[in-house]
Amino acid sequence: MEDLEYKLIEKENIASLHFPQEDILKSVKLQLERKSTVERAISLGNLEHQKVKIYFSDDAGKKRVDTTIWAVTDTSIVLKQNVILPINRIHKLEI
């Protein structure tokens, strides 16, 4: 099961993580799919306060957080309490 690869963390811990600059997804197609999923997730977060599973990597390995996305910029997603997660470090989102 893929979830076992990812360490579940609390969103409050994201601020202390270090994120490399390079995109975790090498394929432009996958990057565009991720962007589309992020857009859907922000709509659901704002309208229905629905949580999403966000699978991402920092410099230490794969992580997962279950939270609501509050806002999206060109380069990051913003979670509750102004926690910032770079979009280029997200493997996938499950809505």
PDB file of N, CA and C in Angstrom:
ATOM      1  N   MET A   1       0.836  -1.187   0.000  1.00  0.00           N
ATOM      2  CA  MET A   1       0.000   0.000   0.000  1.00  0.00           C
ATOM      3  C   MET A   1       0.877   1.245   0.000  1.00  0.00           C
ATOM      4  N   GLU A   2       0.597   2.170  -0.894  1.00  0.00           N
ATOM      5  CA  GLU A   2       1.451   3.334  -1.088  1.00  0.00           C
ATOM      6  C   GLU A   2       1.531   4.252   0.129  1.00  0.00           C
ATOM      7  N   ASP A   3       0.445   4.368   0.898  1.00  0.00           N
ATOM      8  CA  ASP A   3       0.445   5.241   2.071  1.00  0.00           C
ATOM      9  C   ASP A   3       1.587   4.922   3.029  1.00  0.00           C
ATOM     10  N   LEU A   4       2.002   3.669   3.074  1.00  0.00           N
ATOM     11  CA  LEU A   4       3.043   3.263   4.006  1.00  0.00           C
ATOM     12  C   LEU A   4       4.403   3.884   3.673  1.00  0.00           C
ATOM     13  N   GLU A   5       4.588   4.307   2.430  1.00  0.00           N
ATOM     14  CA  GLU A   5       5.829   4.966   2.033  1.00  0.00           C
ATOM     15  C   GLU A   5       5.943   6.356   2.638  1.00  0.00           C
ATOM     16  N   TYR A   6       4.818   6.948   2.987  1.00  0.00           N
ATOM     17  CA  TYR A   6       4.763   8.340   3.412  1.00  0.00           C
ATOM     18  C   TYR A   6       4.523   8.430   4.917  1.00  0.00           C
ATOM     19  N   LYS A   7       5.339   9.225   5.599  1.00  0.00           N
ATOM     20  CA  LYS A   7       5.190   9.428   7.033  1.00  0.00           C
ATOM     21  C   LYS A   7       4.123  10.491   7.268  1.00  0.00           C
ATOM     22  N   LEU A   8       3.079  10.149   8.010  1.00  0.00           N
ATOM     23  CA  LEU A   8       2.001  11.082   8.324  1.00  0.00           C
ATOM     24  C   LEU A   8       2.507  12.096   9.345  1.00  0.00           C
ATOM     25  N   ILE A   9       2.355  13.389   9.019  1.00  0.00           N
ATOM     26  CA  ILE A   9       2.778  14.431   9.946  1.00  0.00           C
ATOM     27  C   ILE A   9       1.640  15.430  10.150  1.00  0.00           C
ATOM     28  N   GLU A  10       1.746  16.219  11.199  1.00  0.00           N
ATOM     29  CA  GLU A  10       0.775  17.286  11.465  1.00  0.00           C
ATOM     30  C   GLU A  10       1.172  18.511  10.647  1.00  0.00           C
ATOM     31  N   LYS A  11       0.182  19.265  10.197  1.00  0.00           N
ATOM     32  CA  LYS A  11       0.478  20.433   9.355  1.00  0.00           C
ATOM     33  C   LYS A  11       1.355  21.440  10.078  1.00  0.00           C
ATOM     34  N   GLU A  12       1.247  21.525  11.403  1.00  0.00           N
ATOM     35  CA  GLU A  12       2.049  22.467  12.179  1.00  0.00           C
ATOM     36  C   GLU A  12       3.547  22.175  12.056  1.00  0.00           C
ATOM     37  N   ASN A  13       3.901  20.938  11.735  1.00  0.00           N
ATOM     38  CA  ASN A  13       5.311  20.557  11.615  1.00  0.00           C
ATOM     39  C   ASN A  13       5.921  20.923  10.264  1.00  0.00           C
ATOM     40  N   ILE A  14       5.093  21.283   9.299  1.00  0.00           N
ATOM     41  CA  ILE A  14       5.588  21.589   7.953  1.00  0.00           C
ATOM     42  C   ILE A  14       6.524  22.794   7.963  1.00  0.00           C
ATOM     43  N   ALA A  15       6.240  23.770   8.810  1.00  0.00           N
ATOM     44  CA  ALA A  15       7.055  24.992   8.858  1.00  0.00           C
ATOM     45  C   ALA A  15       8.520  24.702   9.191  1.00  0.00           C
ATOM     46  N   SER A  16       8.789  23.606   9.883  1.00  0.00           N
ATOM     47  CA  SER A  16      10.165  23.297  10.278  1.00  0.00           C
ATOM     48  C   SER A  16      10.904  22.435   9.246  1.00  0.00           C
ATOM     49  N   LEU A  17      10.221  22.069   8.151  1.00  0.00           N
ATOM     50  CA  LEU A  17      10.843  21.221   7.130  1.00  0.00           C
ATOM     51  C   LEU A  17      11.625  22.061   6.127  1.00  0.00           C
ATOM     52  N   HIS A  18      12.596  21.423   5.467  1.00  0.00           N
ATOM     53  CA  HIS A  18      13.382  22.093   4.428  1.00  0.00           C
ATOM     54  C   HIS A  18      13.022  21.484   3.080  1.00  0.00           C
ATOM     55  N   PHE A  19      12.719  22.350   2.110  1.00  0.00           N
ATOM     56  CA  PHE A  19      12.293  21.888   0.790  1.00  0.00           C
ATOM     57  C   PHE A  19      13.315  22.275  -0.281  1.00  0.00           C
ATOM     58  N   PRO A  20      13.882  21.291  -0.982  1.00  0.00           N
ATOM     59  CA  PRO A  20      14.762  21.591  -2.117  1.00  0.00           C
ATOM     60  C   PRO A  20      13.987  22.350  -3.209  1.00  0.00           C
ATOM     61  N   GLN A  21      14.713  23.033  -4.090  1.00  0.00           N
ATOM     62  CA  GLN A  21      14.090  23.848  -5.126  1.00  0.00           C
ATOM     63  C   GLN A  21      13.527  23.037  -6.288  1.00  0.00           C
ATOM     64  N   GLU A  22      14.149  21.913  -6.637  1.00  0.00           N
ATOM     65  CA  GLU A  22      13.730  21.192  -7.843  1.00  0.00           C
ATOM     66  C   GLU A  22      12.352  20.548  -7.680  1.00  0.00           C
ATOM     67  N   ASP A  23      11.666  20.433  -8.798  1.00  0.00           N
ATOM     68  CA  ASP A  23      10.338  19.828  -8.810  1.00  0.00           C
ATOM     69  C   ASP A  23      10.461  18.325  -8.624  1.00  0.00           C
ATOM     70  N   ILE A  24       9.627  17.782  -7.778  1.00  0.00           N
ATOM     71  CA  ILE A  24       9.622  16.345  -7.496  1.00  0.00           C
ATOM     72  C   ILE A  24       9.083  15.563  -8.697  1.00  0.00           C
ATOM     73  N   LEU A  25       8.228  16.205  -9.503  1.00  0.00           N
ATOM     74  CA  LEU A  25       7.670  15.569 -10.701  1.00  0.00           C
ATOM     75  C   LEU A  25       8.478  16.021 -11.917  1.00  0.00           C
ATOM     76  N   LYS A  26       9.022  15.089 -12.664  1.00  0.00           N
ATOM     77  CA  LYS A  26       9.854  15.420 -13.815  1.00  0.00           C
ATOM     78  C   LYS A  26       9.047  15.624 -15.087  1.00  0.00           C
ATOM     79  N   SER A  27       7.875  15.034 -15.172  1.00  0.00           N
ATOM     80  CA  SER A  27       7.038  15.099 -16.370  1.00  0.00           C
ATOM     81  C   SER A  27       6.152  16.349 -16.358  1.00  0.00           C
ATOM     82  N   VAL A  28       6.165  17.084 -17.455  1.00  0.00           N
ATOM     83  CA  VAL A  28       5.300  18.265 -17.583  1.00  0.00           C
ATOM     84  C   VAL A  28       3.835  17.854 -17.476  1.00  0.00           C
ATOM     85  N   LYS A  29       3.481  16.719 -18.047  1.00  0.00           N
ATOM     86  CA  LYS A  29       2.103  16.219 -17.977  1.00  0.00           C
ATOM     87  C   LYS A  29       1.675  16.010 -16.518  1.00  0.00           C
ATOM     88  N   LEU A  30       2.541  15.393 -15.726  1.00  0.00           N
ATOM     89  CA  LEU A  30       2.217  15.172 -14.314  1.00  0.00           C
ATOM     90  C   LEU A  30       2.136  16.490 -13.549  1.00  0.00           C
ATOM     91  N   GLN A  31       2.998  17.442 -13.898  1.00  0.00           N
ATOM     92  CA  GLN A  31       2.960  18.756 -13.251  1.00  0.00           C
ATOM     93  C   GLN A  31       1.642  19.469 -13.544  1.00  0.00           C
ATOM     94  N   LEU A  32       1.161  19.370 -14.779  1.00  0.00           N
ATOM     95  CA  LEU A  32      -0.113  19.990 -15.145  1.00  0.00           C
ATOM     96  C   LEU A  32      -1.291  19.306 -14.449  1.00  0.00           C
ATOM     97  N   GLU A  33      -1.222  17.981 -14.324  1.00  0.00           N
ATOM     98  CA  GLU A  33      -2.271  17.245 -13.606  1.00  0.00           C
ATOM     99  C   GLU A  33      -2.293  17.658 -12.136  1.00  0.00           C
ATOM    100  N   ARG A  34      -1.102  17.826 -11.554  1.00  0.00           N
ATOM    101  CA  ARG A  34      -1.017  18.247 -10.151  1.00  0.00           C
ATOM    102  C   ARG A  34      -1.639  19.638  -9.987  1.00  0.00           C
ATOM    103  N   LYS A  35      -1.324  20.546 -10.902  1.00  0.00           N
ATOM    104  CA  LYS A  35      -1.873  21.906 -10.832  1.00  0.00           C
ATOM    105  C   LYS A  35      -3.394  21.880 -10.891  1.00  0.00           C
ATOM    106  N   SER A  36      -3.948  21.051 -11.755  1.00  0.00           N
ATOM    107  CA  SER A  36      -5.390  20.914 -11.877  1.00  0.00           C
ATOM    108  C   SER A  36      -6.001  20.371 -10.586  1.00  0.00           C
ATOM    109  N   THR A  37      -5.361  19.390  -9.987  1.00  0.00           N
ATOM    110  CA  THR A  37      -5.861  18.810  -8.739  1.00  0.00           C
ATOM    111  C   THR A  37      -5.794  19.828  -7.598  1.00  0.00           C
ATOM    112  N   VAL A  38      -4.730  20.628  -7.570  1.00  0.00           N
ATOM    113  CA  VAL A  38      -4.608  21.680  -6.554  1.00  0.00           C
ATOM    114  C   VAL A  38      -5.766  22.672  -6.695  1.00  0.00           C
ATOM    115  N   GLU A  39      -6.090  23.045  -7.924  1.00  0.00           N
ATOM    116  CA  GLU A  39      -7.202  23.980  -8.163  1.00  0.00           C
ATOM    117  C   GLU A  39      -8.530  23.403  -7.661  1.00  0.00           C
ATOM    118  N   ARG A  40      -8.756  22.104  -7.917  1.00  0.00           N
ATOM    119  CA  ARG A  40      -9.979  21.452  -7.423  1.00  0.00           C
ATOM    120  C   ARG A  40      -9.990  21.426  -5.893  1.00  0.00           C
ATOM    121  N   ALA A  41      -8.834  21.119  -5.309  1.00  0.00           N
ATOM    122  CA  ALA A  41      -8.740  21.004  -3.851  1.00  0.00           C
ATOM    123  C   ALA A  41      -9.009  22.338  -3.162  1.00  0.00           C
ATOM    124  N   ILE A  42      -8.527  23.441  -3.742  1.00  0.00           N
ATOM    125  CA  ILE A  42      -8.770  24.748  -3.125  1.00  0.00           C
ATOM    126  C   ILE A  42     -10.249  25.084  -3.185  1.00  0.00           C
ATOM    127  N   SER A  43     -10.922  24.732  -4.270  1.00  0.00           N
ATOM    128  CA  SER A  43     -12.361  24.978  -4.369  1.00  0.00           C
ATOM    129  C   SER A  43     -13.111  24.190  -3.297  1.00  0.00           C
ATOM    130  N   LEU A  44     -12.769  22.932  -3.148  1.00  0.00           N
ATOM    131  CA  LEU A  44     -13.441  22.097  -2.142  1.00  0.00           C
ATOM    132  C   LEU A  44     -13.122  22.576  -0.727  1.00  0.00           C
ATOM    133  N   GLY A  45     -11.893  23.010  -0.519  1.00  0.00           N
ATOM    134  CA  GLY A  45     -11.511  23.500   0.800  1.00  0.00           C
ATOM    135  C   GLY A  45     -12.291  24.747   1.179  1.00  0.00           C
ATOM    136  N   ASN A  46     -12.437  25.661   0.236  1.00  0.00           N
ATOM    137  CA  ASN A  46     -13.142  26.912   0.514  1.00  0.00           C
ATOM    138  C   ASN A  46     -14.645  26.722   0.608  1.00  0.00           C
ATOM    139  N   LEU A  47     -15.198  25.889  -0.253  1.00  0.00           N
ATOM    140  CA  LEU A  47     -16.658  25.721  -0.286  1.00  0.00           C
ATOM    141  C   LEU A  47     -17.170  24.759   0.779  1.00  0.00           C
ATOM    142  N   GLU A  48     -16.466  23.652   0.954  1.00  0.00           N
ATOM    143  CA  GLU A  48     -16.981  22.587   1.816  1.00  0.00           C
ATOM    144  C   GLU A  48     -16.068  22.259   2.994  1.00  0.00           C
ATOM    145  N   HIS A  49     -14.959  22.971   3.115  1.00  0.00           N
ATOM    146  CA  HIS A  49     -13.972  22.709   4.171  1.00  0.00           C
ATOM    147  C   HIS A  49     -13.548  21.242   4.179  1.00  0.00           C
ATOM    148  N   GLN A  50     -13.444  20.680   2.981  1.00  0.00           N
ATOM    149  CA  GLN A  50     -13.094  19.274   2.827  1.00  0.00           C
ATOM    150  C   GLN A  50     -11.581  19.086   2.924  1.00  0.00           C
ATOM    151  N   LYS A  51     -11.176  18.117   3.723  1.00  0.00           N
ATOM    152  CA  LYS A  51      -9.749  17.817   3.853  1.00  0.00           C
ATOM    153  C   LYS A  51      -9.271  17.008   2.661  1.00  0.00           C
ATOM    154  N   VAL A  52      -7.989  17.191   2.329  1.00  0.00           N
ATOM    155  CA  VAL A  52      -7.345  16.410   1.277  1.00  0.00           C
ATOM    156  C   VAL A  52      -6.093  15.769   1.858  1.00  0.00           C
ATOM    157  N   LYS A  53      -5.686  14.674   1.237  1.00  0.00           N
ATOM    158  CA  LYS A  53      -4.418  14.043   1.594  1.00  0.00           C
ATOM    159  C   LYS A  53      -3.376  14.601   0.636  1.00  0.00           C
ATOM    160  N   ILE A  54      -2.332  15.207   1.189  1.00  0.00           N
ATOM    161  CA  ILE A  54      -1.275  15.788   0.374  1.00  0.00           C
ATOM    162  C   ILE A  54      -0.015  14.949   0.588  1.00  0.00           C
ATOM    163  N   TYR A  55       0.471  14.365  -0.505  1.00  0.00           N
ATOM    164  CA  TYR A  55       1.681  13.544  -0.478  1.00  0.00           C
ATOM    165  C   TYR A  55       2.817  14.390  -1.034  1.00  0.00           C
ATOM    166  N   PHE A  56       3.874  14.576  -0.242  1.00  0.00           N
ATOM    167  CA  PHE A  56       4.959  15.463  -0.658  1.00  0.00           C
ATOM    168  C   PHE A  56       6.298  14.960  -0.130  1.00  0.00           C
ATOM    169  N   SER A  57       7.377  15.604  -0.573  1.00  0.00           N
ATOM    170  CA  SER A  57       8.717  15.260  -0.091  1.00  0.00           C
ATOM    171  C   SER A  57       9.448  16.514   0.351  1.00  0.00           C
ATOM    172  N   ASP A  58      10.149  16.392   1.464  1.00  0.00           N
ATOM    173  CA  ASP A  58      11.095  17.425   1.863  1.00  0.00           C
ATOM    174  C   ASP A  58      12.487  16.863   1.609  1.00  0.00           C
ATOM    175  N   ASP A  59      13.514  17.447   2.192  1.00  0.00           N
ATOM    176  CA  ASP A  59      14.861  16.941   1.939  1.00  0.00           C
ATOM    177  C   ASP A  59      15.174  15.659   2.702  1.00  0.00           C
ATOM    178  N   ALA A  60      14.270  15.240   3.597  1.00  0.00           N
ATOM    179  CA  ALA A  60      14.503  14.036   4.398  1.00  0.00           C
ATOM    180  C   ALA A  60      13.678  12.833   3.945  1.00  0.00           C
ATOM    181  N   GLY A  61      12.701  13.042   3.046  1.00  0.00           N
ATOM    182  CA  GLY A  61      11.921  11.911   2.590  1.00  0.00           C
ATOM    183  C   GLY A  61      10.466  12.250   2.334  1.00  0.00           C
ATOM    184  N   LYS A  62       9.666  11.195   2.152  1.00  0.00           N
ATOM    185  CA  LYS A  62       8.258  11.333   1.788  1.00  0.00           C
ATOM    186  C   LYS A  62       7.397  11.529   3.026  1.00  0.00           C
ATOM    187  N   LYS A  63       6.438  12.461   2.903  1.00  0.00           N
ATOM    188  CA  LYS A  63       5.543  12.774   4.007  1.00  0.00           C
ATOM    189  C   LYS A  63       4.116  12.882   3.468  1.00  0.00           C
ATOM    190  N   ARG A  64       3.157  12.855   4.410  1.00  0.00           N
ATOM    191  CA  ARG A  64       1.748  13.053   4.063  1.00  0.00           C
ATOM    192  C   ARG A  64       1.108  13.904   5.144  1.00  0.00           C
ATOM    193  N   VAL A  65       0.233  14.798   4.728  1.00  0.00           N
ATOM    194  CA  VAL A  65      -0.543  15.585   5.669  1.00  0.00           C
ATOM    195  C   VAL A  65      -1.996  15.565   5.201  1.00  0.00           C
ATOM    196  N   ASP A  66      -2.916  15.465   6.141  1.00  0.00           N
ATOM    197  CA  ASP A  66      -4.350  15.486   5.850  1.00  0.00           C
ATOM    198  C   ASP A  66      -4.880  16.820   6.366  1.00  0.00           C
ATOM    199  N   THR A  67      -5.262  17.695   5.451  1.00  0.00           N
ATOM    200  CA  THR A  67      -5.646  19.044   5.857  1.00  0.00           C
ATOM    201  C   THR A  67      -6.506  19.701   4.789  1.00  0.00           C
ATOM    202  N   THR A  68      -6.953  20.908   5.078  1.00  0.00           N
ATOM    203  CA  THR A  68      -7.710  21.722   4.131  1.00  0.00           C
ATOM    204  C   THR A  68      -6.766  22.741   3.510  1.00  0.00           C
ATOM    205  N   ILE A  69      -6.860  22.924   2.208  1.00  0.00           N
ATOM    206  CA  ILE A  69      -6.079  23.955   1.529  1.00  0.00           C
ATOM    207  C   ILE A  69      -6.882  25.244   1.570  1.00  0.00           C
ATOM    208  N   TRP A  70      -6.271  26.306   2.075  1.00  0.00           N
ATOM    209  CA  TRP A  70      -6.966  27.582   2.234  1.00  0.00           C
ATOM    210  C   TRP A  70      -6.737  28.514   1.060  1.00  0.00           C
ATOM    211  N   ALA A  71      -5.539  28.446   0.466  1.00  0.00           N
ATOM    212  CA  ALA A  71      -5.224  29.352  -0.647  1.00  0.00           C
ATOM    213  C   ALA A  71      -4.128  28.732  -1.500  1.00  0.00           C
ATOM    214  N   VAL A  72      -4.001  29.267  -2.720  1.00  0.00           N
ATOM    215  CA  VAL A  72      -2.981  28.796  -3.649  1.00  0.00           C
ATOM    216  C   VAL A  72      -2.306  30.018  -4.272  1.00  0.00           C
ATOM    217  N   THR A  73      -0.972  29.987  -4.338  1.00  0.00           N
ATOM    218  CA  THR A  73      -0.225  30.994  -5.083  1.00  0.00           C
ATOM    219  C   THR A  73       0.359  30.296  -6.305  1.00  0.00           C
ATOM    220  N   ASP A  74       1.161  30.996  -7.076  1.00  0.00           N
ATOM    221  CA  ASP A  74       1.794  30.374  -8.245  1.00  0.00           C
ATOM    222  C   ASP A  74       2.736  29.251  -7.852  1.00  0.00           C
ATOM    223  N   THR A  75       3.321  29.334  -6.660  1.00  0.00           N
ATOM    224  CA  THR A  75       4.363  28.380  -6.277  1.00  0.00           C
ATOM    225  C   THR A  75       4.051  27.554  -5.035  1.00  0.00           C
ATOM    226  N   SER A  76       3.012  27.925  -4.288  1.00  0.00           N
ATOM    227  CA  SER A  76       2.758  27.259  -3.003  1.00  0.00           C
ATOM    228  C   SER A  76       1.269  27.086  -2.736  1.00  0.00           C
ATOM    229  N   ILE A  77       1.002  26.172  -1.799  1.00  0.00           N
ATOM    230  CA  ILE A  77      -0.342  26.102  -1.244  1.00  0.00           C
ATOM    231  C   ILE A  77      -0.254  26.613   0.188  1.00  0.00           C
ATOM    232  N   VAL A  78      -1.333  27.228   0.643  1.00  0.00           N
ATOM    233  CA  VAL A  78      -1.384  27.778   1.990  1.00  0.00           C
ATOM    234  C   VAL A  78      -2.405  26.975   2.779  1.00  0.00           C
ATOM    235  N   LEU A  79      -1.959  26.455   3.918  1.00  0.00           N
ATOM    236  CA  LEU A  79      -2.823  25.684   4.796  1.00  0.00           C
ATOM    237  C   LEU A  79      -3.253  26.565   5.966  1.00  0.00           C
ATOM    238  N   LYS A  80      -4.074  26.035   6.839  1.00  0.00           N
ATOM    239  CA  LYS A  80      -4.516  26.757   8.029  1.00  0.00           C
ATOM    240  C   LYS A  80      -3.295  27.275   8.798  1.00  0.00           C
ATOM    241  N   GLN A  81      -3.443  28.391   9.464  1.00  0.00           N
ATOM    242  CA  GLN A  81      -2.383  29.028  10.257  1.00  0.00           C
ATOM    243  C   GLN A  81      -1.200  29.468   9.392  1.00  0.00           C
ATOM    244  N   ASN A  82      -1.483  29.812   8.123  1.00  0.00           N
ATOM    245  CA  ASN A  82      -0.468  30.293   7.181  1.00  0.00           C
ATOM    246  C   ASN A  82       0.719  29.355   7.001  1.00  0.00           C
ATOM    247  N   VAL A  83       0.476  28.056   7.072  1.00  0.00           N
ATOM    248  CA  VAL A  83       1.512  27.065   6.795  1.00  0.00           C
ATOM    249  C   VAL A  83       1.663  26.969   5.278  1.00  0.00           C
ATOM    250  N   ILE A  84       2.894  27.112   4.791  1.00  0.00           N
ATOM    251  CA  ILE A  84       3.183  27.139   3.358  1.00  0.00           C
ATOM    252  C   ILE A  84       3.826  25.820   2.930  1.00  0.00           C
ATOM    253  N   LEU A  85       3.335  25.259   1.821  1.00  0.00           N
ATOM    254  CA  LEU A  85       3.914  24.040   1.248  1.00  0.00           C
ATOM    255  C   LEU A  85       4.163  24.295  -0.241  1.00  0.00           C
ATOM    256  N   PRO A  86       5.423  24.179  -0.687  1.00  0.00           N
ATOM    257  CA  PRO A  86       5.719  24.417  -2.103  1.00  0.00           C
ATOM    258  C   PRO A  86       5.034  23.388  -3.005  1.00  0.00           C
ATOM    259  N   ILE A  87       4.360  23.867  -4.038  1.00  0.00           N
ATOM    260  CA  ILE A  87       3.665  22.970  -4.962  1.00  0.00           C
ATOM    261  C   ILE A  87       4.642  22.022  -5.650  1.00  0.00           C
ATOM    262  N   ASN A  88       5.848  22.492  -5.948  1.00  0.00           N
ATOM    263  CA  ASN A  88       6.797  21.648  -6.684  1.00  0.00           C
ATOM    264  C   ASN A  88       7.322  20.475  -5.871  1.00  0.00           C
ATOM    265  N   ARG A  89       6.965  20.382  -4.600  1.00  0.00           N
ATOM    266  CA  ARG A  89       7.381  19.251  -3.763  1.00  0.00           C
ATOM    267  C   ARG A  89       6.227  18.266  -3.526  1.00  0.00           C
ATOM    268  N   ILE A  90       5.075  18.524  -4.151  1.00  0.00           N
ATOM    269  CA  ILE A  90       3.900  17.656  -3.973  1.00  0.00           C
ATOM    270  C   ILE A  90       3.910  16.549  -5.028  1.00  0.00           C
ATOM    271  N   HIS A  91       3.847  15.294  -4.554  1.00  0.00           N
ATOM    272  CA  HIS A  91       3.726  14.139  -5.461  1.00  0.00           C
ATOM    273  C   HIS A  91       2.319  14.067  -6.018  1.00  0.00           C
ATOM    274  N   LYS A  92       1.335  14.129  -5.095  1.00  0.00           N
ATOM    275  CA  LYS A  92      -0.061  14.011  -5.503  1.00  0.00           C
ATOM    276  C   LYS A  92      -0.952  14.464  -4.375  1.00  0.00           C
ATOM    277  N   LEU A  93      -2.222  14.673  -4.724  1.00  0.00           N
ATOM    278  CA  LEU A  93      -3.251  15.001  -3.744  1.00  0.00           C
ATOM    279  C   LEU A  93      -4.396  14.031  -3.927  1.00  0.00           C
ATOM    280  N   GLU A  94      -5.001  13.627  -2.824  1.00  0.00           N
ATOM    281  CA  GLU A  94      -6.212  12.799  -2.897  1.00  0.00           C
ATOM    282  C   GLU A  94      -7.343  13.589  -2.277  1.00  0.00           C
ATOM    283  N   ILE A  95      -8.365  13.805  -3.085  1.00  0.00           N
ATOM    284  CA  ILE A  95      -9.516  14.597  -2.626  1.00  0.00           C
ATOM    285  C   ILE A  95     -10.613  13.675  -2.146  1.00  0.00           C
TER     286      ILE A  95
END
